[in-house]
PDB file of N, CA and C in Angstrom:
ATOM      1  N   UNK A   1      86.103 109.092 116.471  1.00  0.00           N
ATOM      2  CA  UNK A   1      85.236 109.009 116.100  1.00  0.00           C
ATOM      3  C   UNK A   1      84.718 109.930 115.237  1.00  0.00           C
ATOM      4  N   UNK A   2      84.428 109.688 114.179  1.00  0.00           N
ATOM      5  CA  UNK A   2      83.394 110.465 113.318  1.00  0.00           C
ATOM      6  C   UNK A   2      81.977 110.146 113.290  1.00  0.00           C
ATOM      7  N   UNK A   3      81.307 111.331 112.526  1.00  0.00           N
ATOM      8  CA  UNK A   3      79.684 111.232 112.594  1.00  0.00           C
ATOM      9  C   UNK A   3      79.132 109.966 112.046  1.00  0.00           C
ATOM     10  N   UNK A   4      80.089 109.495 110.711  1.00  0.00           N
ATOM     11  CA  UNK A   4      79.802 108.071 110.212  1.00  0.00           C
ATOM     12  C   UNK A   4      79.940 106.773 111.093  1.00  0.00           C
ATOM     13  N   UNK A   5      80.543 106.796 112.088  1.00  0.00           N
ATOM     14  CA  UNK A   5      80.722 105.882 113.318  1.00  0.00           C
ATOM     15  C   UNK A   5      81.990 105.237 113.000  1.00  0.00           C
ATOM     16  N   UNK A   6      82.857 105.770 111.952  1.00  0.00           N
ATOM     17  CA  UNK A   6      83.989 105.302 111.238  1.00  0.00           C
ATOM     18  C   UNK A   6      85.150 105.899 113.004  1.00  0.00           C
ATOM     19  N   UNK A   7      86.266 104.960 113.325  1.00  0.00           N
ATOM     20  CA  UNK A   7      86.653 105.334 114.432  1.00  0.00           C
ATOM     21  C   UNK A   7      88.308 105.253 113.783  1.00  0.00           C
ATOM     22  N   UNK A   8      89.386 106.129 114.262  1.00  0.00           N
ATOM     23  CA  UNK A   8      90.486 106.185 114.032  1.00  0.00           C
ATOM     24  C   UNK A   8      91.401 106.749 115.031  1.00  0.00           C
ATOM     25  N   UNK A   9      92.573 106.082 115.417  1.00  0.00           N
ATOM     26  CA  UNK A   9      93.200 106.703 116.466  1.00  0.00           C
ATOM     27  C   UNK A   9      94.894 106.322 115.730  1.00  0.00           C
ATOM     28  N   UNK A  10      95.622 107.176 116.156  1.00  0.00           N
ATOM     29  CA  UNK A  10      96.785 106.829 115.779  1.00  0.00           C
ATOM     30  C   UNK A  10      98.079 106.925 116.818  1.00  0.00           C
ATOM     31  N   UNK A  11      99.079 106.190 116.699  1.00  0.00           N
ATOM     32  CA  UNK A  11      99.842 105.955 117.667  1.00  0.00           C
ATOM     33  C   UNK A  11     101.570 106.198 116.766  1.00  0.00           C
ATOM     34  N   UNK A  12     102.478 106.877 117.697  1.00  0.00           N
ATOM     35  CA  UNK A  12     103.647 107.092 117.293  1.00  0.00           C
ATOM     36  C   UNK A  12     104.908 106.168 117.856  1.00  0.00           C
ATOM     37  N   UNK A  13     105.509 105.475 117.055  1.00  0.00           N
ATOM     38  CA  UNK A  13     106.241 104.544 117.725  1.00  0.00           C
ATOM     39  C   UNK A  13     107.677 105.064 117.300  1.00  0.00           C
ATOM     40  N   UNK A  14     108.742 105.015 118.385  1.00  0.00           N
ATOM     41  CA  UNK A  14     109.823 105.203 118.304  1.00  0.00           C
ATOM     42  C   UNK A  14     110.815 103.964 118.105  1.00  0.00           C
ATOM     43  N   UNK A  15     111.683 103.873 116.786  1.00  0.00           N
ATOM     44  CA  UNK A  15     112.208 102.771 116.914  1.00  0.00           C
ATOM     45  C   UNK A  15     113.868 102.754 117.907  1.00  0.00           C
ATOM     46  N   UNK A  16     114.192 101.671 118.142  1.00  0.00           N
ATOM     47  CA  UNK A  16     115.414 101.493 119.008  1.00  0.00           C
ATOM     48  C   UNK A  16     116.512 100.807 118.454  1.00  0.00           C
ATOM     49  N   UNK A  17     117.333 101.872 117.753  1.00  0.00           N
ATOM     50  CA  UNK A  17     118.362 101.703 116.804  1.00  0.00           C
ATOM     51  C   UNK A  17     119.254 102.974 116.806  1.00  0.00           C
ATOM     52  N   UNK A  18     120.443 102.907 116.189  1.00  0.00           N
ATOM     53  CA  UNK A  18     121.282 104.126 116.372  1.00  0.00           C
ATOM     54  C   UNK A  18     120.742 105.158 115.873  1.00  0.00           C
ATOM     55  N   UNK A  19     119.741 105.232 114.782  1.00  0.00           N
ATOM     56  CA  UNK A  19     118.919 106.724 114.403  1.00  0.00           C
ATOM     57  C   UNK A  19     117.610 106.262 114.499  1.00  0.00           C
ATOM     58  N   UNK A  20     117.149 106.520 115.722  1.00  0.00           N
ATOM     59  CA  UNK A  20     115.757 106.380 115.917  1.00  0.00           C
ATOM     60  C   UNK A  20     114.773 107.024 115.139  1.00  0.00           C
ATOM     61  N   UNK A  21     113.634 106.234 114.616  1.00  0.00           N
ATOM     62  CA  UNK A  21     113.098 106.648 113.562  1.00  0.00           C
ATOM     63  C   UNK A  21     111.399 106.926 114.445  1.00  0.00           C
ATOM     64  N   UNK A  22     110.854 107.804 114.053  1.00  0.00           N
ATOM     65  CA  UNK A  22     109.150 108.055 114.600  1.00  0.00           C
ATOM     66  C   UNK A  22     108.414 107.576 113.423  1.00  0.00           C
ATOM     67  N   UNK A  23     107.552 106.591 113.734  1.00  0.00           N
ATOM     68  CA  UNK A  23     106.622 106.123 112.834  1.00  0.00           C
ATOM     69  C   UNK A  23     105.195 106.118 113.201  1.00  0.00           C
ATOM     70  N   UNK A  24     104.390 106.827 112.509  1.00  0.00           N
ATOM     71  CA  UNK A  24     103.169 106.888 112.905  1.00  0.00           C
ATOM     72  C   UNK A  24     102.246 105.536 112.256  1.00  0.00           C
ATOM     73  N   UNK A  25     101.579 104.949 113.241  1.00  0.00           N
ATOM     74  CA  UNK A  25     100.731 103.877 112.999  1.00  0.00           C
ATOM     75  C   UNK A  25      99.368 104.229 113.031  1.00  0.00           C
ATOM     76  N   UNK A  26      98.586 103.940 112.392  1.00  0.00           N
ATOM     77  CA  UNK A  26      96.947 104.007 112.593  1.00  0.00           C
ATOM     78  C   UNK A  26      96.240 102.820 112.810  1.00  0.00           C
ATOM     79  N   UNK A  27      95.348 103.134 113.804  1.00  0.00           N
ATOM     80  CA  UNK A  27      94.512 101.939 114.129  1.00  0.00           C
ATOM     81  C   UNK A  27      93.113 102.475 113.845  1.00  0.00           C
ATOM     82  N   UNK A  28      92.546 101.386 113.306  1.00  0.00           N
ATOM     83  CA  UNK A  28      90.922 101.800 112.996  1.00  0.00           C
ATOM     84  C   UNK A  28      89.623 100.938 113.386  1.00  0.00           C
ATOM     85  N   UNK A  29      88.567 101.427 113.206  1.00  0.00           N
ATOM     86  CA  UNK A  29      87.587 100.565 113.800  1.00  0.00           C
ATOM     87  C   UNK A  29      87.811  99.640 114.969  1.00  0.00           C
ATOM     88  N   UNK A  30      87.705  98.389 115.126  1.00  0.00           N
ATOM     89  CA  UNK A  30      87.609  97.736 116.480  1.00  0.00           C
ATOM     90  C   UNK A  30      89.098  97.578 116.895  1.00  0.00           C
ATOM     91  N   UNK A  31      90.028  98.043 115.891  1.00  0.00           N
ATOM     92  CA  UNK A  31      91.441  98.126 116.367  1.00  0.00           C
ATOM     93  C   UNK A  31      91.810  99.262 117.303  1.00  0.00           C
ATOM     94  N   UNK A  32      90.836 100.166 117.163  1.00  0.00           N
ATOM     95  CA  UNK A  32      91.639 101.308 118.114  1.00  0.00           C
ATOM     96  C   UNK A  32      91.554 100.696 119.682  1.00  0.00           C
ATOM     97  N   UNK A  33      90.692  99.848 119.981  1.00  0.00           N
ATOM     98  CA  UNK A  33      90.678  99.378 121.328  1.00  0.00           C
ATOM     99  C   UNK A  33      91.990  98.420 121.739  1.00  0.00           C
ATOM    100  N   UNK A  34      92.600  98.336 120.971  1.00  0.00           N
ATOM    101  CA  UNK A  34      93.957  97.521 121.226  1.00  0.00           C
ATOM    102  C   UNK A  34      95.118  98.845 122.058  1.00  0.00           C
ATOM    103  N   UNK A  35      94.896  99.992 121.753  1.00  0.00           N
ATOM    104  CA  UNK A  35      95.442 101.221 122.511  1.00  0.00           C
ATOM    105  C   UNK A  35      95.384 101.402 123.822  1.00  0.00           C
ATOM    106  N   UNK A  36      94.078 100.886 124.282  1.00  0.00           N
ATOM    107  CA  UNK A  36      93.758 100.862 125.546  1.00  0.00           C
ATOM    108  C   UNK A  36      94.836 100.197 126.517  1.00  0.00           C
ATOM    109  N   UNK A  37      95.521 100.934 127.815  1.00  0.00           N
ATOM    110  CA  UNK A  37      96.233 100.148 128.305  1.00  0.00           C
ATOM    111  C   UNK A  37      97.446 100.860 128.083  1.00  0.00           C
ATOM    112  N   UNK A  38      98.017 101.294 127.014  1.00  0.00           N
ATOM    113  CA  UNK A  38      99.092 101.960 126.761  1.00  0.00           C
ATOM    114  C   UNK A  38      99.289 103.116 127.464  1.00  0.00           C
ATOM    115  N   UNK A  39     100.816 103.171 127.929  1.00  0.00           N
ATOM    116  CA  UNK A  39     101.150 104.617 128.422  1.00  0.00           C
ATOM    117  C   UNK A  39     102.392 104.991 127.692  1.00  0.00           C
ATOM    118  N   UNK A  40     102.586 106.312 127.374  1.00  0.00           N
ATOM    119  CA  UNK A  40     103.804 106.635 126.758  1.00  0.00           C
ATOM    120  C   UNK A  40     104.883 106.087 127.260  1.00  0.00           C
ATOM    121  N   UNK A  41     106.119 105.867 126.299  1.00  0.00           N
ATOM    122  CA  UNK A  41     107.205 105.082 126.808  1.00  0.00           C
ATOM    123  C   UNK A  41     107.201 103.823 127.107  1.00  0.00           C
ATOM    124  N   UNK A  42     105.822 103.222 126.799  1.00  0.00           N
ATOM    125  CA  UNK A  42     105.873 101.815 126.787  1.00  0.00           C
ATOM    126  C   UNK A  42     106.773 101.337 125.891  1.00  0.00           C
ATOM    127  N   UNK A  43     107.490  99.921 125.808  1.00  0.00           N
ATOM    128  CA  UNK A  43     108.145  99.326 124.849  1.00  0.00           C
ATOM    129  C   UNK A  43     107.072  98.146 124.469  1.00  0.00           C
ATOM    130  N   UNK A  44     106.885  98.540 122.873  1.00  0.00           N
ATOM    131  CA  UNK A  44     105.788  97.187 122.431  1.00  0.00           C
ATOM    132  C   UNK A  44     106.425  97.083 121.044  1.00  0.00           C
ATOM    133  N   UNK A  45     105.533  95.830 120.636  1.00  0.00           N
ATOM    134  CA  UNK A  45     105.843  95.266 119.454  1.00  0.00           C
ATOM    135  C   UNK A  45     104.560  95.377 118.686  1.00  0.00           C
ATOM    136  N   UNK A  46     104.461  95.916 117.488  1.00  0.00           N
ATOM    137  CA  UNK A  46     103.405  96.312 116.747  1.00  0.00           C
ATOM    138  C   UNK A  46     103.584  95.488 115.175  1.00  0.00           C
ATOM    139  N   UNK A  47     102.014  94.927 115.454  1.00  0.00           N
ATOM    140  CA  UNK A  47     102.112  94.165 114.004  1.00  0.00           C
ATOM    141  C   UNK A  47     101.444  95.110 113.037  1.00  0.00           C
ATOM    142  N   UNK A  48     101.815  95.259 111.729  1.00  0.00           N
ATOM    143  CA  UNK A  48     101.195  96.259 110.855  1.00  0.00           C
ATOM    144  C   UNK A  48     101.144  95.543 109.461  1.00  0.00           C
ATOM    145  N   UNK A  49     100.279  96.140 108.701  1.00  0.00           N
ATOM    146  CA  UNK A  49     100.112  96.300 107.460  1.00  0.00           C
ATOM    147  C   UNK A  49     100.048  97.118 106.538  1.00  0.00           C
ATOM    148  N   UNK A  50     101.293  97.282 105.786  1.00  0.00           N
ATOM    149  CA  UNK A  50     101.584  98.742 104.849  1.00  0.00           C
ATOM    150  C   UNK A  50     100.368  98.658 103.713  1.00  0.00           C
ATOM    151  N   UNK A  51      99.728  99.267 103.308  1.00  0.00           N
ATOM    152  CA  UNK A  51      98.506  99.715 102.312  1.00  0.00           C
ATOM    153  C   UNK A  51      98.969 100.563 101.399  1.00  0.00           C
ATOM    154  N   UNK A  52      98.718 100.866 100.244  1.00  0.00           N
ATOM    155  CA  UNK A  52      98.618 101.941  99.139  1.00  0.00           C
ATOM    156  C   UNK A  52      97.566 101.878  98.544  1.00  0.00           C
ATOM    157  N   UNK A  53      97.229 103.248  97.941  1.00  0.00           N
ATOM    158  CA  UNK A  53      96.141 103.641  97.498  1.00  0.00           C
ATOM    159  C   UNK A  53      96.539 104.755  96.460  1.00  0.00           C
ATOM    160  N   UNK A  54      95.812 104.729  95.016  1.00  0.00           N
ATOM    161  CA  UNK A  54      95.966 105.846  94.128  1.00  0.00           C
ATOM    162  C   UNK A  54      94.985 106.776  94.136  1.00  0.00           C
ATOM    163  N   UNK A  55      95.080 108.000  94.075  1.00  0.00           N
ATOM    164  CA  UNK A  55      93.770 109.055  93.942  1.00  0.00           C
ATOM    165  C   UNK A  55      94.381 109.786  92.441  1.00  0.00           C
ATOM    166  N   UNK A  56      93.370 109.881  91.771  1.00  0.00           N
ATOM    167  CA  UNK A  56      93.140 110.823  90.604  1.00  0.00           C
ATOM    168  C   UNK A  56      92.864 112.105  90.965  1.00  0.00           C
ATOM    169  N   UNK A  57      93.739 113.324  90.570  1.00  0.00           N
ATOM    170  CA  UNK A  57      93.319 114.365  90.853  1.00  0.00           C
ATOM    171  C   UNK A  57      92.222 115.269  89.895  1.00  0.00           C
ATOM    172  N   UNK A  58      91.882 116.394  89.871  1.00  0.00           N
ATOM    173  CA  UNK A  58      90.955 116.926  88.703  1.00  0.00           C
ATOM    174  C   UNK A  58      91.372 117.019  87.162  1.00  0.00           C
ATOM    175  N   UNK A  59      92.721 117.095  87.104  1.00  0.00           N
ATOM    176  CA  UNK A  59      93.659 117.133  86.089  1.00  0.00           C
ATOM    177  C   UNK A  59      93.628 115.622  85.516  1.00  0.00           C
ATOM    178  N   UNK A  60      93.327 114.817  86.224  1.00  0.00           N
ATOM    179  CA  UNK A  60      93.718 113.161  85.782  1.00  0.00           C
ATOM    180  C   UNK A  60      95.013 112.665  86.257  1.00  0.00           C
ATOM    181  N   UNK A  61      95.943 113.366  86.731  1.00  0.00           N
ATOM    182  CA  UNK A  61      97.423 113.154  87.367  1.00  0.00           C
ATOM    183  C   UNK A  61      96.849 112.281  88.237  1.00  0.00           C
ATOM    184  N   UNK A  62      97.583 111.303  88.551  1.00  0.00           N
ATOM    185  CA  UNK A  62      97.458 110.010  89.312  1.00  0.00           C
ATOM    186  C   UNK A  62      98.588 110.382  90.978  1.00  0.00           C
ATOM    187  N   UNK A  63      98.133 110.115  91.558  1.00  0.00           N
ATOM    188  CA  UNK A  63      98.869 110.549  92.875  1.00  0.00           C
ATOM    189  C   UNK A  63      98.703 109.009  93.904  1.00  0.00           C
ATOM    190  N   UNK A  64     100.005 108.791  94.404  1.00  0.00           N
ATOM    191  CA  UNK A  64      99.905 107.457  95.520  1.00  0.00           C
ATOM    192  C   UNK A  64     100.027 107.801  96.805  1.00  0.00           C
ATOM    193  N   UNK A  65      99.432 107.162  97.670  1.00  0.00           N
ATOM    194  CA  UNK A  65      99.435 107.214  98.971  1.00  0.00           C
ATOM    195  C   UNK A  65      99.950 106.318  99.941  1.00  0.00           C
ATOM    196  N   UNK A  66     100.371 105.969 100.907  1.00  0.00           N
ATOM    197  CA  UNK A  66     100.877 104.918 101.524  1.00  0.00           C
ATOM    198  C   UNK A  66     100.097 104.922 103.039  1.00  0.00           C
ATOM    199  N   UNK A  67      99.916 103.995 103.535  1.00  0.00           N
ATOM    200  CA  UNK A  67      99.574 104.211 105.317  1.00  0.00           C
ATOM    201  C   UNK A  67     100.049 102.707 105.567  1.00  0.00           C
ATOM    202  N   UNK A  68      99.929 103.104 107.242  1.00  0.00           N
ATOM    203  CA  UNK A  68     100.726 101.940 108.128  1.00  0.00           C
ATOM    204  C   UNK A  68      99.521 101.481 108.848  1.00  0.00           C
ATOM    205  N   UNK A  69      98.628 100.633 108.654  1.00  0.00           N
ATOM    206  CA  UNK A  69      97.799  99.937 110.031  1.00  0.00           C
ATOM    207  C   UNK A  69      97.982  99.135 110.832  1.00  0.00           C
ATOM    208  N   UNK A  70      98.149  99.339 111.974  1.00  0.00           N
ATOM    209  CA  UNK A  70      98.404  98.031 113.016  1.00  0.00           C
ATOM    210  C   UNK A  70      97.248  97.567 113.215  1.00  0.00           C
ATOM    211  N   UNK A  71      97.442  95.886 113.756  1.00  0.00           N
ATOM    212  CA  UNK A  71      96.290  94.883 113.906  1.00  0.00           C
ATOM    213  C   UNK A  71      96.845  94.100 115.357  1.00  0.00           C
ATOM    214  N   UNK A  72      97.603  94.550 115.765  1.00  0.00           N
ATOM    215  CA  UNK A  72      97.965  93.435 117.047  1.00  0.00           C
ATOM    216  C   UNK A  72      99.081  94.864 117.656  1.00  0.00           C
ATOM    217  N   UNK A  73      99.211  94.642 119.112  1.00  0.00           N
ATOM    218  CA  UNK A  73     100.088  95.417 119.742  1.00  0.00           C
ATOM    219  C   UNK A  73     100.496  94.771 121.182  1.00  0.00           C
ATOM    220  N   UNK A  74     101.392  94.194 121.264  1.00  0.00           N
ATOM    221  CA  UNK A  74     101.982  93.271 122.502  1.00  0.00           C
ATOM    222  C   UNK A  74     102.969  94.390 123.316  1.00  0.00           C
ATOM    223  N   UNK A  75     102.800  94.367 124.482  1.00  0.00           N
ATOM    224  CA  UNK A  75     103.645  94.910 125.353  1.00  0.00           C
ATOM    225  C   UNK A  75     104.917  93.924 125.570  1.00  0.00           C
ATOM    226  N   UNK A  76     105.958  94.669 125.361  1.00  0.00           N
ATOM    227  CA  UNK A  76     107.228  94.047 125.972  1.00  0.00           C
ATOM    228  C   UNK A  76     107.608  93.892 127.459  1.00  0.00           C
ATOM    229  N   UNK A  77     108.026  93.086 127.905  1.00  0.00           N
ATOM    230  CA  UNK A  77     108.785  92.511 128.957  1.00  0.00           C
ATOM    231  C   UNK A  77     109.876  93.180 129.502  1.00  0.00           C
ATOM    232  N   UNK A  78     110.421  94.324 128.577  1.00  0.00           N
ATOM    233  CA  UNK A  78     111.912  94.310 128.713  1.00  0.00           C
ATOM    234  C   UNK A  78     111.349  95.935 128.701  1.00  0.00           C
ATOM    235  N   UNK A  79     112.136  96.741 129.518  1.00  0.00           N
ATOM    236  CA  UNK A  79     112.235  98.378 129.519  1.00  0.00           C
ATOM    237  C   UNK A  79     113.057  98.909 128.527  1.00  0.00           C
ATOM    238  N   UNK A  80     112.959 100.112 128.317  1.00  0.00           N
ATOM    239  CA  UNK A  80     113.863 100.614 127.118  1.00  0.00           C
ATOM    240  C   UNK A  80     115.345 100.694 127.493  1.00  0.00           C
ATOM    241  N   UNK A  81     115.761 100.343 128.603  1.00  0.00           N
ATOM    242  CA  UNK A  81     116.908 100.540 129.022  1.00  0.00           C
ATOM    243  C   UNK A  81     117.539  98.969 128.818  1.00  0.00           C
ATOM    244  N   UNK A  82     116.332  97.958 128.468  1.00  0.00           N
ATOM    245  CA  UNK A  82     117.047  96.703 128.088  1.00  0.00           C
ATOM    246  C   UNK A  82     116.889  95.513 129.143  1.00  0.00           C
ATOM    247  N   UNK A  83     116.815  96.163 130.281  1.00  0.00           N
ATOM    248  CA  UNK A  83     116.371  94.884 131.351  1.00  0.00           C
ATOM    249  C   UNK A  83     114.970  94.606 131.683  1.00  0.00           C
ATOM    250  N   UNK A  84     114.912  93.102 131.987  1.00  0.00           N
ATOM    251  CA  UNK A  84     113.678  92.607 132.333  1.00  0.00           C
ATOM    252  C   UNK A  84     112.879  93.087 133.277  1.00  0.00           C
ATOM    253  N   UNK A  85     111.854  93.555 133.195  1.00  0.00           N
ATOM    254  CA  UNK A  85     110.828  93.615 133.996  1.00  0.00           C
ATOM    255  C   UNK A  85     110.014  92.644 134.779  1.00  0.00           C
ATOM    256  N   UNK A  86     110.055  91.557 134.198  1.00  0.00           N
ATOM    257  CA  UNK A  86     108.877  90.600 134.738  1.00  0.00           C
ATOM    258  C   UNK A  86     109.911  89.181 133.618  1.00  0.00           C
ATOM    259  N   UNK A  87     109.894  87.985 134.174  1.00  0.00           N
ATOM    260  CA  UNK A  87     110.382  86.904 133.635  1.00  0.00           C
ATOM    261  C   UNK A  87     109.280  86.208 133.016  1.00  0.00           C
ATOM    262  N   UNK A  88     109.366  86.396 131.524  1.00  0.00           N
ATOM    263  CA  UNK A  88     108.641  86.006 130.610  1.00  0.00           C
ATOM    264  C   UNK A  88     109.614  85.565 129.320  1.00  0.00           C
ATOM    265  N   UNK A  89     109.247  84.613 128.737  1.00  0.00           N
ATOM    266  CA  UNK A  89     109.827  84.394 127.511  1.00  0.00           C
ATOM    267  C   UNK A  89     109.515  85.225 125.941  1.00  0.00           C
ATOM    268  N   UNK A  90     110.339  85.561 125.109  1.00  0.00           N
ATOM    269  CA  UNK A  90     109.593  86.480 124.087  1.00  0.00           C
ATOM    270  C   UNK A  90     110.068  85.697 122.689  1.00  0.00           C
ATOM    271  N   UNK A  91     109.069  85.194 122.236  1.00  0.00           N
ATOM    272  CA  UNK A  91     109.459  84.230 121.080  1.00  0.00           C
ATOM    273  C   UNK A  91     109.522  85.054 119.582  1.00  0.00           C
ATOM    274  N   UNK A  92     109.183  86.339 119.802  1.00  0.00           N
ATOM    275  CA  UNK A  92     109.171  87.139 118.566  1.00  0.00           C
ATOM    276  C   UNK A  92     110.702  87.369 117.999  1.00  0.00           C
ATOM    277  N   UNK A  93     110.787  87.777 116.560  1.00  0.00           N
ATOM    278  CA  UNK A  93     112.040  87.802 116.246  1.00  0.00           C
ATOM    279  C   UNK A  93     111.862  88.922 115.696  1.00  0.00           C
ATOM    280  N   UNK A  94     113.186  89.910 115.846  1.00  0.00           N
ATOM    281  CA  UNK A  94     113.396  91.308 115.017  1.00  0.00           C
ATOM    282  C   UNK A  94     114.485  91.192 113.769  1.00  0.00           C
ATOM    283  N   UNK A  95     113.843  91.864 112.981  1.00  0.00           N
ATOM    284  CA  UNK A  95     114.395  92.046 111.561  1.00  0.00           C
ATOM    285  C   UNK A  95     114.822  93.334 111.206  1.00  0.00           C
ATOM    286  N   UNK A  96     115.955  93.686 111.074  1.00  0.00           N
ATOM    287  CA  UNK A  96     116.501  95.026 110.684  1.00  0.00           C
ATOM    288  C   UNK A  96     116.586  95.064 109.145  1.00  0.00           C
ATOM    289  N   UNK A  97     115.800  95.855 108.902  1.00  0.00           N
ATOM    290  CA  UNK A  97     115.623  95.975 107.395  1.00  0.00           C
ATOM    291  C   UNK A  97     116.775  96.831 106.954  1.00  0.00           C
ATOM    292  N   UNK A  98     117.575  97.655 107.710  1.00  0.00           N
ATOM    293  CA  UNK A  98     118.598  98.309 107.491  1.00  0.00           C
ATOM    294  C   UNK A  98     119.920  97.780 107.309  1.00  0.00           C
ATOM    295  N   UNK A  99     120.069  96.732 107.702  1.00  0.00           N
ATOM    296  CA  UNK A  99     121.170  95.853 108.018  1.00  0.00           C
ATOM    297  C   UNK A  99     121.847  95.413 106.313  1.00  0.00           C
ATOM    298  N   UNK A 100     123.363  95.472 106.218  1.00  0.00           N
ATOM    299  CA  UNK A 100     123.701  94.919 104.994  1.00  0.00           C
ATOM    300  C   UNK A 100     124.170  93.580 105.189  1.00  0.00           C
ATOM    301  N   UNK A 101     124.144  92.666 106.288  1.00  0.00           N
ATOM    302  CA  UNK A 101     124.501  91.746 106.633  1.00  0.00           C
ATOM    303  C   UNK A 101     123.861  90.517 105.545  1.00  0.00           C
ATOM    304  N   UNK A 102     124.254  89.796 104.883  1.00  0.00           N
ATOM    305  CA  UNK A 102     124.129  88.913 104.109  1.00  0.00           C
ATOM    306  C   UNK A 102     123.181  89.299 102.942  1.00  0.00           C
ATOM    307  N   UNK A 103     123.196  90.374 102.467  1.00  0.00           N
ATOM    308  CA  UNK A 103     122.918  91.364 101.300  1.00  0.00           C
ATOM    309  C   UNK A 103     123.312  90.724 100.336  1.00  0.00           C
ATOM    310  N   UNK A 104     122.528  90.361  99.615  1.00  0.00           N
ATOM    311  CA  UNK A 104     123.098  89.768  97.860  1.00  0.00           C
ATOM    312  C   UNK A 104     123.040  90.883  97.040  1.00  0.00           C
ATOM    313  N   UNK A 105     123.746  91.236  96.089  1.00  0.00           N
ATOM    314  CA  UNK A 105     123.548  92.365  95.427  1.00  0.00           C
ATOM    315  C   UNK A 105     123.520  92.001  93.994  1.00  0.00           C
ATOM    316  N   UNK A 106     122.316  91.703  93.411  1.00  0.00           N
ATOM    317  CA  UNK A 106     122.005  91.245  92.177  1.00  0.00           C
ATOM    318  C   UNK A 106     121.527  92.132  91.340  1.00  0.00           C
ATOM    319  N   UNK A 107     121.693  93.417  91.494  1.00  0.00           N
ATOM    320  CA  UNK A 107     121.462  94.596  90.583  1.00  0.00           C
ATOM    321  C   UNK A 107     122.507  94.576  89.480  1.00  0.00           C
ATOM    322  N   UNK A 108     122.038  95.134  88.054  1.00  0.00           N
ATOM    323  CA  UNK A 108     123.116  94.894  87.391  1.00  0.00           C
ATOM    324  C   UNK A 108     124.169  96.192  87.036  1.00  0.00           C
ATOM    325  N   UNK A 109     124.075  96.999  88.095  1.00  0.00           N
ATOM    326  CA  UNK A 109     124.578  98.447  87.839  1.00  0.00           C
ATOM    327  C   UNK A 109     125.190  98.817  89.212  1.00  0.00           C
TER     328      UNK A 109
END
């Protein structure tokens, strides 16, 4: 929490794939409260927005920055080893952005 009243909290998510990625997700203002009740190692699904912005330095050179902001966190009913901890249906669909399955190569080179 900053003196201006702005609030920010960061969460690092480790993906569950062959080569796990550590992804920093920031939660701002009232979304900070979504992180209460989470514990290290919890299996979660996080809904995010990817934001980008331009910054022009003193020499007039533009630089670009990206941020990942969370807006929803749901605890999974599965543990990290894949076993159910409680009987509940999960209707969310996972999308693997690194897959080559059904990829259409429409590049001219």
